[in-house]
Amino acid sequence: MLEQFVVLLWMMGNERNNQLVNRKKAEEWEIVGKALAYWEEYASYHRQEEHMRGAEAITWKRPPIGWVKVNVDATVIAGQGTRFGMVL
């Protein structure tokens, strides 16, 4: 319930800024509808996250004989160029 209230306050602040910056006024029912939609999205994600916590952890497994696993990564550093790394 507290989270729903916080989302409503956040949406009201966003709408106030929208009124000040863009000179657009939303109806109260639109603000509440948007807040509920954001809340439902949050709750759905949270339920999915809770479900995933019960999932079995993924661990590294040794490759079959004759195979090699390769992990690569790269980054671009401004003014210094590109860096590349690889682990076999």
PDB file of N, CA and C in Angstrom:
ATOM      1  N   MET A   1       0.825  -1.191   0.000  1.00  0.00           N
ATOM      2  CA  MET A   1       0.000   0.000   0.000  1.00  0.00           C
ATOM      3  C   MET A   1       0.872   1.260   0.000  1.00  0.00           C
ATOM      4  N   LEU A   2       1.951   1.237   0.773  1.00  0.00           N
ATOM      5  CA  LEU A   2       2.848   2.392   0.813  1.00  0.00           C
ATOM      6  C   LEU A   2       3.472   2.633  -0.557  1.00  0.00           C
ATOM      7  N   GLU A   3       3.857   1.545  -1.237  1.00  0.00           N
ATOM      8  CA  GLU A   3       4.469   1.687  -2.556  1.00  0.00           C
ATOM      9  C   GLU A   3       3.497   2.339  -3.536  1.00  0.00           C
ATOM     10  N   GLN A   4       2.222   1.978  -3.461  1.00  0.00           N
ATOM     11  CA  GLN A   4       1.222   2.573  -4.352  1.00  0.00           C
ATOM     12  C   GLN A   4       1.109   4.069  -4.092  1.00  0.00           C
ATOM     13  N   PHE A   5       1.131   4.455  -2.828  1.00  0.00           N
ATOM     14  CA  PHE A   5       1.049   5.867  -2.470  1.00  0.00           C
ATOM     15  C   PHE A   5       2.261   6.628  -2.998  1.00  0.00           C
ATOM     16  N   VAL A   6       3.433   6.039  -2.864  1.00  0.00           N
ATOM     17  CA  VAL A   6       4.663   6.679  -3.342  1.00  0.00           C
ATOM     18  C   VAL A   6       4.621   6.839  -4.871  1.00  0.00           C
ATOM     19  N   VAL A   7       4.141   5.814  -5.570  1.00  0.00           N
ATOM     20  CA  VAL A   7       4.032   5.909  -7.026  1.00  0.00           C
ATOM     21  C   VAL A   7       3.056   7.013  -7.416  1.00  0.00           C
ATOM     22  N   LEU A   8       1.951   7.136  -6.695  1.00  0.00           N
ATOM     23  CA  LEU A   8       0.981   8.194  -6.977  1.00  0.00           C
ATOM     24  C   LEU A   8       1.605   9.572  -6.767  1.00  0.00           C
ATOM     25  N   LEU A   9       2.339   9.744  -5.660  1.00  0.00           N
ATOM     26  CA  LEU A   9       3.018  11.026  -5.421  1.00  0.00           C
ATOM     27  C   LEU A   9       4.037  11.327  -6.515  1.00  0.00           C
ATOM     28  N   TRP A  10       4.773  10.303  -6.924  1.00  0.00           N
ATOM     29  CA  TRP A  10       5.769  10.483  -7.984  1.00  0.00           C
ATOM     30  C   TRP A  10       5.086  10.906  -9.283  1.00  0.00           C
ATOM     31  N   MET A  11       3.957  10.264  -9.605  1.00  0.00           N
ATOM     32  CA  MET A  11       3.244  10.599 -10.826  1.00  0.00           C
ATOM     33  C   MET A  11       2.664  12.008 -10.749  1.00  0.00           C
ATOM     34  N   MET A  12       2.197  12.409  -9.573  1.00  0.00           N
ATOM     35  CA  MET A  12       1.677  13.761  -9.406  1.00  0.00           C
ATOM     36  C   MET A  12       2.791  14.792  -9.627  1.00  0.00           C
ATOM     37  N   GLY A  13       3.982  14.494  -9.136  1.00  0.00           N
ATOM     38  CA  GLY A  13       5.117  15.389  -9.361  1.00  0.00           C
ATOM     39  C   GLY A  13       5.477  15.476 -10.830  1.00  0.00           C
ATOM     40  N   ASN A  14       5.453  14.332 -11.514  1.00  0.00           N
ATOM     41  CA  ASN A  14       5.733  14.338 -12.954  1.00  0.00           C
ATOM     42  C   ASN A  14       4.708  15.172 -13.709  1.00  0.00           C
ATOM     43  N   GLU A  15       3.450  15.028 -13.345  1.00  0.00           N
ATOM     44  CA  GLU A  15       2.394  15.784 -14.021  1.00  0.00           C
ATOM     45  C   GLU A  15       2.508  17.277 -13.725  1.00  0.00           C
ATOM     46  N   ARG A  16       2.903  17.623 -12.502  1.00  0.00           N
ATOM     47  CA  ARG A  16       3.110  19.041 -12.173  1.00  0.00           C
ATOM     48  C   ARG A  16       4.219  19.624 -13.052  1.00  0.00           C
ATOM     49  N   ASN A  17       5.323  18.883 -13.187  1.00  0.00           N
ATOM     50  CA  ASN A  17       6.404  19.337 -14.056  1.00  0.00           C
ATOM     51  C   ASN A  17       5.937  19.453 -15.498  1.00  0.00           C
ATOM     52  N   ASN A  18       5.122  18.516 -15.936  1.00  0.00           N
ATOM     53  CA  ASN A  18       4.592  18.552 -17.303  1.00  0.00           C
ATOM     54  C   ASN A  18       3.737  19.806 -17.512  1.00  0.00           C
ATOM     55  N   GLN A  19       2.973  20.185 -16.491  1.00  0.00           N
ATOM     56  CA  GLN A  19       2.162  21.394 -16.585  1.00  0.00           C
ATOM     57  C   GLN A  19       3.046  22.639 -16.673  1.00  0.00           C
ATOM     58  N   LEU A  20       4.086  22.689 -15.854  1.00  0.00           N
ATOM     59  CA  LEU A  20       4.957  23.858 -15.832  1.00  0.00           C
ATOM     60  C   LEU A  20       5.790  23.987 -17.104  1.00  0.00           C
ATOM     61  N   VAL A  21       6.319  22.880 -17.591  1.00  0.00           N
ATOM     62  CA  VAL A  21       7.231  22.911 -18.731  1.00  0.00           C
ATOM     63  C   VAL A  21       6.476  22.915 -20.055  1.00  0.00           C
ATOM     64  N   ASN A  22       5.514  22.010 -20.203  1.00  0.00           N
ATOM     65  CA  ASN A  22       4.837  21.832 -21.491  1.00  0.00           C
ATOM     66  C   ASN A  22       3.467  22.492 -21.561  1.00  0.00           C
ATOM     67  N   ARG A  23       3.042  23.092 -20.465  1.00  0.00           N
ATOM     68  CA  ARG A  23       1.727  23.746 -20.403  1.00  0.00           C
ATOM     69  C   ARG A  23       0.588  22.794 -20.751  1.00  0.00           C
ATOM     70  N   LYS A  24       0.725  21.524 -20.338  1.00  0.00           N
ATOM     71  CA  LYS A  24      -0.310  20.522 -20.572  1.00  0.00           C
ATOM     72  C   LYS A  24      -0.863  20.080 -19.227  1.00  0.00           C
ATOM     73  N   LYS A  25      -2.188  20.053 -19.118  1.00  0.00           N
ATOM     74  CA  LYS A  25      -2.820  19.631 -17.876  1.00  0.00           C
ATOM     75  C   LYS A  25      -3.543  18.316 -18.098  1.00  0.00           C
ATOM     76  N   ALA A  26      -3.201  17.328 -17.283  1.00  0.00           N
ATOM     77  CA  ALA A  26      -3.855  16.027 -17.352  1.00  0.00           C
ATOM     78  C   ALA A  26      -5.023  16.013 -16.369  1.00  0.00           C
ATOM     79  N   GLU A  27      -6.033  15.244 -16.698  1.00  0.00           N
ATOM     80  CA  GLU A  27      -7.156  15.059 -15.789  1.00  0.00           C
ATOM     81  C   GLU A  27      -6.706  14.180 -14.617  1.00  0.00           C
ATOM     82  N   GLU A  28      -7.380  14.334 -13.498  1.00  0.00           N
ATOM     83  CA  GLU A  28      -7.016  13.567 -12.301  1.00  0.00           C
ATOM     84  C   GLU A  28      -7.109  12.066 -12.550  1.00  0.00           C
ATOM     85  N   TRP A  29      -8.147  11.637 -13.253  1.00  0.00           N
ATOM     86  CA  TRP A  29      -8.319  10.208 -13.522  1.00  0.00           C
ATOM     87  C   TRP A  29      -7.190   9.676 -14.395  1.00  0.00           C
ATOM     88  N   GLU A  30      -6.612  10.536 -15.273  1.00  0.00           N
ATOM     89  CA  GLU A  30      -5.475  10.106 -16.093  1.00  0.00           C
ATOM     90  C   GLU A  30      -4.234   9.901 -15.230  1.00  0.00           C
ATOM     91  N   ILE A  31      -4.037  10.793 -14.275  1.00  0.00           N
ATOM     92  CA  ILE A  31      -2.878  10.698 -13.387  1.00  0.00           C
ATOM     93  C   ILE A  31      -2.970   9.416 -12.556  1.00  0.00           C
ATOM     94  N   VAL A  32      -4.137   9.163 -11.999  1.00  0.00           N
ATOM     95  CA  VAL A  32      -4.329   7.953 -11.192  1.00  0.00           C
ATOM     96  C   VAL A  32      -4.170   6.715 -12.069  1.00  0.00           C
ATOM     97  N   GLY A  33      -4.702   6.753 -13.292  1.00  0.00           N
ATOM     98  CA  GLY A  33      -4.572   5.619 -14.214  1.00  0.00           C
ATOM     99  C   GLY A  33      -3.123   5.322 -14.553  1.00  0.00           C
ATOM    100  N   LYS A  34      -2.340   6.372 -14.814  1.00  0.00           N
ATOM    101  CA  LYS A  34      -0.917   6.185 -15.106  1.00  0.00           C
ATOM    102  C   LYS A  34      -0.187   5.611 -13.898  1.00  0.00           C
ATOM    103  N   ALA A  35      -0.515   6.132 -12.703  1.00  0.00           N
ATOM    104  CA  ALA A  35       0.127   5.639 -11.482  1.00  0.00           C
ATOM    105  C   ALA A  35      -0.188   4.161 -11.277  1.00  0.00           C
ATOM    106  N   LEU A  36      -1.444   3.771 -11.494  1.00  0.00           N
ATOM    107  CA  LEU A  36      -1.810   2.361 -11.351  1.00  0.00           C
ATOM    108  C   LEU A  36      -1.097   1.485 -12.369  1.00  0.00           C
ATOM    109  N   ALA A  37      -0.949   1.983 -13.591  1.00  0.00           N
ATOM    110  CA  ALA A  37      -0.246   1.217 -14.624  1.00  0.00           C
ATOM    111  C   ALA A  37       1.222   1.017 -14.238  1.00  0.00           C
ATOM    112  N   TYR A  38       1.873   2.073 -13.736  1.00  0.00           N
ATOM    113  CA  TYR A  38       3.257   1.947 -13.286  1.00  0.00           C
ATOM    114  C   TYR A  38       3.343   0.966 -12.116  1.00  0.00           C
ATOM    115  N   TRP A  39       2.385   1.063 -11.189  1.00  0.00           N
ATOM    116  CA  TRP A  39       2.379   0.163 -10.042  1.00  0.00           C
ATOM    117  C   TRP A  39       2.245  -1.282 -10.505  1.00  0.00           C
ATOM    118  N   GLU A  40       1.337  -1.549 -11.436  1.00  0.00           N
ATOM    119  CA  GLU A  40       1.137  -2.913 -11.928  1.00  0.00           C
ATOM    120  C   GLU A  40       2.411  -3.443 -12.589  1.00  0.00           C
ATOM    121  N   GLU A  41       3.094  -2.589 -13.340  1.00  0.00           N
ATOM    122  CA  GLU A  41       4.352  -3.004 -13.976  1.00  0.00           C
ATOM    123  C   GLU A  41       5.394  -3.345 -12.918  1.00  0.00           C
ATOM    124  N   TYR A  42       5.494  -2.505 -11.891  1.00  0.00           N
ATOM    125  CA  TYR A  42       6.436  -2.757 -10.800  1.00  0.00           C
ATOM    126  C   TYR A  42       6.102  -4.067 -10.089  1.00  0.00           C
ATOM    127  N   ALA A  43       4.822  -4.247  -9.754  1.00  0.00           N
ATOM    128  CA  ALA A  43       4.401  -5.443  -9.025  1.00  0.00           C
ATOM    129  C   ALA A  43       4.652  -6.702  -9.856  1.00  0.00           C
ATOM    130  N   SER A  44       4.407  -6.621 -11.157  1.00  0.00           N
ATOM    131  CA  SER A  44       4.644  -7.762 -12.038  1.00  0.00           C
ATOM    132  C   SER A  44       6.125  -8.124 -12.052  1.00  0.00           C
ATOM    133  N   TYR A  45       6.988  -7.116 -12.163  1.00  0.00           N
ATOM    134  CA  TYR A  45       8.432  -7.354 -12.150  1.00  0.00           C
ATOM    135  C   TYR A  45       8.854  -7.955 -10.815  1.00  0.00           C
ATOM    136  N   HIS A  46       8.304  -7.412  -9.727  1.00  0.00           N
ATOM    137  CA  HIS A  46       8.667  -7.888  -8.398  1.00  0.00           C
ATOM    138  C   HIS A  46       8.248  -9.343  -8.205  1.00  0.00           C
ATOM    139  N   ARG A  47       7.064  -9.712  -8.693  1.00  0.00           N
ATOM    140  CA  ARG A  47       6.619 -11.102  -8.590  1.00  0.00           C
ATOM    141  C   ARG A  47       7.540 -12.009  -9.391  1.00  0.00           C
ATOM    142  N   GLN A  48       7.945 -11.559 -10.574  1.00  0.00           N
ATOM    143  CA  GLN A  48       8.851 -12.348 -11.427  1.00  0.00           C
ATOM    144  C   GLN A  48      10.197 -12.522 -10.726  1.00  0.00           C
ATOM    145  N   GLU A  49      10.686 -11.453 -10.092  1.00  0.00           N
ATOM    146  CA  GLU A  49      11.960 -11.510  -9.375  1.00  0.00           C
ATOM    147  C   GLU A  49      11.882 -12.492  -8.216  1.00  0.00           C
ATOM    148  N   GLU A  50      10.776 -12.475  -7.477  1.00  0.00           N
ATOM    149  CA  GLU A  50      10.584 -13.412  -6.368  1.00  0.00           C
ATOM    150  C   GLU A  50      10.579 -14.846  -6.879  1.00  0.00           C
ATOM    151  N   HIS A  51       9.949 -15.068  -8.020  1.00  0.00           N
ATOM    152  CA  HIS A  51       9.888 -16.403  -8.608  1.00  0.00           C
ATOM    153  C   HIS A  51      11.289 -16.878  -9.001  1.00  0.00           C
ATOM    154  N   MET A  52      12.101 -15.963  -9.531  1.00  0.00           N
ATOM    155  CA  MET A  52      13.444 -16.326  -9.984  1.00  0.00           C
ATOM    156  C   MET A  52      14.363 -16.656  -8.809  1.00  0.00           C
ATOM    157  N   ARG A  53      14.110 -16.101  -7.646  1.00  0.00           N
ATOM    158  CA  ARG A  53      14.955 -16.389  -6.485  1.00  0.00           C
ATOM    159  C   ARG A  53      14.907 -17.858  -6.113  1.00  0.00           C
ATOM    160  N   GLY A  54      13.782 -18.496  -6.391  1.00  0.00           N
ATOM    161  CA  GLY A  54      13.644 -19.904  -6.076  1.00  0.00           C
ATOM    162  C   GLY A  54      14.268 -20.807  -7.126  1.00  0.00           C
ATOM    163  N   ALA A  55      14.683 -20.234  -8.265  1.00  0.00           N
ATOM    164  CA  ALA A  55      15.265 -21.023  -9.346  1.00  0.00           C
ATOM    165  C   ALA A  55      16.659 -21.513  -8.951  1.00  0.00           C
ATOM    166  N   GLU A  56      17.056 -22.599  -9.547  1.00  0.00           N
ATOM    167  CA  GLU A  56      18.376 -23.173  -9.275  1.00  0.00           C
ATOM    168  C   GLU A  56      19.460 -22.254  -9.840  1.00  0.00           C
ATOM    169  N   ALA A  57      20.522 -22.073  -9.091  1.00  0.00           N
ATOM    170  CA  ALA A  57      21.619 -21.216  -9.521  1.00  0.00           C
ATOM    171  C   ALA A  57      22.335 -21.829 -10.724  1.00  0.00           C
ATOM    172  N   ILE A  58      22.734 -20.973 -11.647  1.00  0.00           N
ATOM    173  CA  ILE A  58      23.483 -21.425 -12.818  1.00  0.00           C
ATOM    174  C   ILE A  58      24.963 -21.423 -12.444  1.00  0.00           C
ATOM    175  N   THR A  59      25.630 -22.528 -12.671  1.00  0.00           N
ATOM    176  CA  THR A  59      27.042 -22.632 -12.324  1.00  0.00           C
ATOM    177  C   THR A  59      27.857 -23.025 -13.542  1.00  0.00           C
ATOM    178  N   TRP A  60      29.157 -22.776 -13.449  1.00  0.00           N
ATOM    179  CA  TRP A  60      30.062 -23.130 -14.523  1.00  0.00           C
ATOM    180  C   TRP A  60      30.195 -24.643 -14.581  1.00  0.00           C
ATOM    181  N   LYS A  61      30.227 -25.170 -15.811  1.00  0.00           N
ATOM    182  CA  LYS A  61      30.444 -26.605 -16.002  1.00  0.00           C
ATOM    183  C   LYS A  61      31.635 -26.802 -16.918  1.00  0.00           C
ATOM    184  N   ARG A  62      32.432 -27.780 -16.590  1.00  0.00           N
ATOM    185  CA  ARG A  62      33.598 -28.106 -17.396  1.00  0.00           C
ATOM    186  C   ARG A  62      33.129 -28.545 -18.787  1.00  0.00           C
ATOM    187  N   PRO A  63      33.800 -28.040 -19.856  1.00  0.00           N
ATOM    188  CA  PRO A  63      33.414 -28.479 -21.196  1.00  0.00           C
ATOM    189  C   PRO A  63      33.818 -29.934 -21.434  1.00  0.00           C
ATOM    190  N   PRO A  64      33.169 -30.586 -22.378  1.00  0.00           N
ATOM    191  CA  PRO A  64      33.541 -31.968 -22.690  1.00  0.00           C
ATOM    192  C   PRO A  64      34.993 -32.043 -23.178  1.00  0.00           C
ATOM    193  N   ILE A  65      35.592 -33.217 -23.082  1.00  0.00           N
ATOM    194  CA  ILE A  65      36.967 -33.418 -23.543  1.00  0.00           C
ATOM    195  C   ILE A  65      37.045 -33.075 -25.022  1.00  0.00           C
ATOM    196  N   GLY A  66      38.084 -32.311 -25.380  1.00  0.00           N
ATOM    197  CA  GLY A  66      38.266 -31.890 -26.764  1.00  0.00           C
ATOM    198  C   GLY A  66      37.655 -30.527 -27.064  1.00  0.00           C
ATOM    199  N   TRP A  67      36.948 -29.937 -26.111  1.00  0.00           N
ATOM    200  CA  TRP A  67      36.335 -28.618 -26.287  1.00  0.00           C
ATOM    201  C   TRP A  67      37.032 -27.613 -25.388  1.00  0.00           C
ATOM    202  N   VAL A  68      37.014 -26.345 -25.801  1.00  0.00           N
ATOM    203  CA  VAL A  68      37.579 -25.257 -25.016  1.00  0.00           C
ATOM    204  C   VAL A  68      36.517 -24.165 -24.894  1.00  0.00           C
ATOM    205  N   LYS A  69      36.327 -23.669 -23.682  1.00  0.00           N
ATOM    206  CA  LYS A  69      35.423 -22.532 -23.480  1.00  0.00           C
ATOM    207  C   LYS A  69      36.243 -21.258 -23.580  1.00  0.00           C
ATOM    208  N   VAL A  70      35.663 -20.252 -24.225  1.00  0.00           N
ATOM    209  CA  VAL A  70      36.336 -18.966 -24.397  1.00  0.00           C
ATOM    210  C   VAL A  70      35.395 -17.866 -23.913  1.00  0.00           C
ATOM    211  N   ASN A  71      35.904 -16.978 -23.063  1.00  0.00           N
ATOM    212  CA  ASN A  71      35.158 -15.816 -22.615  1.00  0.00           C
ATOM    213  C   ASN A  71      35.924 -14.591 -23.081  1.00  0.00           C
ATOM    214  N   VAL A  72      35.253 -13.687 -23.799  1.00  0.00           N
ATOM    215  CA  VAL A  72      35.918 -12.495 -24.326  1.00  0.00           C
ATOM    216  C   VAL A  72      35.187 -11.253 -23.843  1.00  0.00           C
ATOM    217  N   ASP A  73      35.920 -10.151 -23.764  1.00  0.00           N
ATOM    218  CA  ASP A  73      35.343  -8.873 -23.397  1.00  0.00           C
ATOM    219  C   ASP A  73      36.204  -7.774 -24.001  1.00  0.00           C
ATOM    220  N   ALA A  74      35.572  -6.633 -24.281  1.00  0.00           N
ATOM    221  CA  ALA A  74      36.303  -5.497 -24.845  1.00  0.00           C
ATOM    222  C   ALA A  74      35.713  -4.210 -24.292  1.00  0.00           C
ATOM    223  N   THR A  75      36.516  -3.163 -24.288  1.00  0.00           N
ATOM    224  CA  THR A  75      36.058  -1.849 -23.853  1.00  0.00           C
ATOM    225  C   THR A  75      36.775  -0.779 -24.661  1.00  0.00           C
ATOM    226  N   VAL A  76      36.123   0.364 -24.790  1.00  0.00           N
ATOM    227  CA  VAL A  76      36.729   1.519 -25.457  1.00  0.00           C
ATOM    228  C   VAL A  76      36.910   2.586 -24.390  1.00  0.00           C
ATOM    229  N   ILE A  77      38.142   3.047 -24.223  1.00  0.00           N
ATOM    230  CA  ILE A  77      38.462   4.066 -23.231  1.00  0.00           C
ATOM    231  C   ILE A  77      38.792   5.352 -23.980  1.00  0.00           C
ATOM    232  N   ALA A  78      38.038   6.406 -23.705  1.00  0.00           N
ATOM    233  CA  ALA A  78      38.212   7.677 -24.407  1.00  0.00           C
ATOM    234  C   ALA A  78      39.651   8.161 -24.295  1.00  0.00           C
ATOM    235  N   GLY A  79      40.246   8.448 -25.420  1.00  0.00           N
ATOM    236  CA  GLY A  79      41.606   8.968 -25.459  1.00  0.00           C
ATOM    237  C   GLY A  79      42.693   7.925 -25.274  1.00  0.00           C
ATOM    238  N   GLN A  80      42.332   6.688 -24.931  1.00  0.00           N
ATOM    239  CA  GLN A  80      43.331   5.657 -24.693  1.00  0.00           C
ATOM    240  C   GLN A  80      43.195   4.479 -25.641  1.00  0.00           C
ATOM    241  N   GLY A  81      42.110   4.395 -26.377  1.00  0.00           N
ATOM    242  CA  GLY A  81      41.950   3.309 -27.335  1.00  0.00           C
ATOM    243  C   GLY A  81      41.064   2.190 -26.833  1.00  0.00           C
ATOM    244  N   THR A  82      41.254   1.045 -27.417  1.00  0.00           N
ATOM    245  CA  THR A  82      40.427  -0.123 -27.139  1.00  0.00           C
ATOM    246  C   THR A  82      41.226  -1.165 -26.379  1.00  0.00           C
ATOM    247  N   ARG A  83      40.573  -1.831 -25.441  1.00  0.00           N
ATOM    248  CA  ARG A  83      41.196  -2.912 -24.683  1.00  0.00           C
ATOM    249  C   ARG A  83      40.397  -4.196 -24.929  1.00  0.00           C
ATOM    250  N   PHE A  84      41.082  -5.294 -25.007  1.00  0.00           N
ATOM    251  CA  PHE A  84      40.458  -6.586 -25.306  1.00  0.00           C
ATOM    252  C   PHE A  84      41.022  -7.638 -24.362  1.00  0.00           C
ATOM    253  N   GLY A  85      40.164  -8.492 -23.882  1.00  0.00           N
ATOM    254  CA  GLY A  85      40.627  -9.560 -23.007  1.00  0.00           C
ATOM    255  C   GLY A  85      39.971 -10.873 -23.377  1.00  0.00           C
ATOM    256  N   MET A  86      40.672 -11.978 -23.070  1.00  0.00           N
ATOM    257  CA  MET A  86      40.150 -13.284 -23.408  1.00  0.00           C
ATOM    258  C   MET A  86      40.627 -14.293 -22.366  1.00  0.00           C
ATOM    259  N   VAL A  87      39.726 -15.183 -21.983  1.00  0.00           N
ATOM    260  CA  VAL A  87      40.059 -16.251 -21.047  1.00  0.00           C
ATOM    261  C   VAL A  87      39.694 -17.567 -21.694  1.00  0.00           C
ATOM    262  N   LEU A  88      40.665 -18.512 -21.712  1.00  0.00           N
ATOM    263  CA  LEU A  88      40.403 -19.853 -22.253  1.00  0.00           C
ATOM    264  C   LEU A  88      40.228 -20.815 -21.101  1.00  0.00           C
TER     265      LEU A  88
END
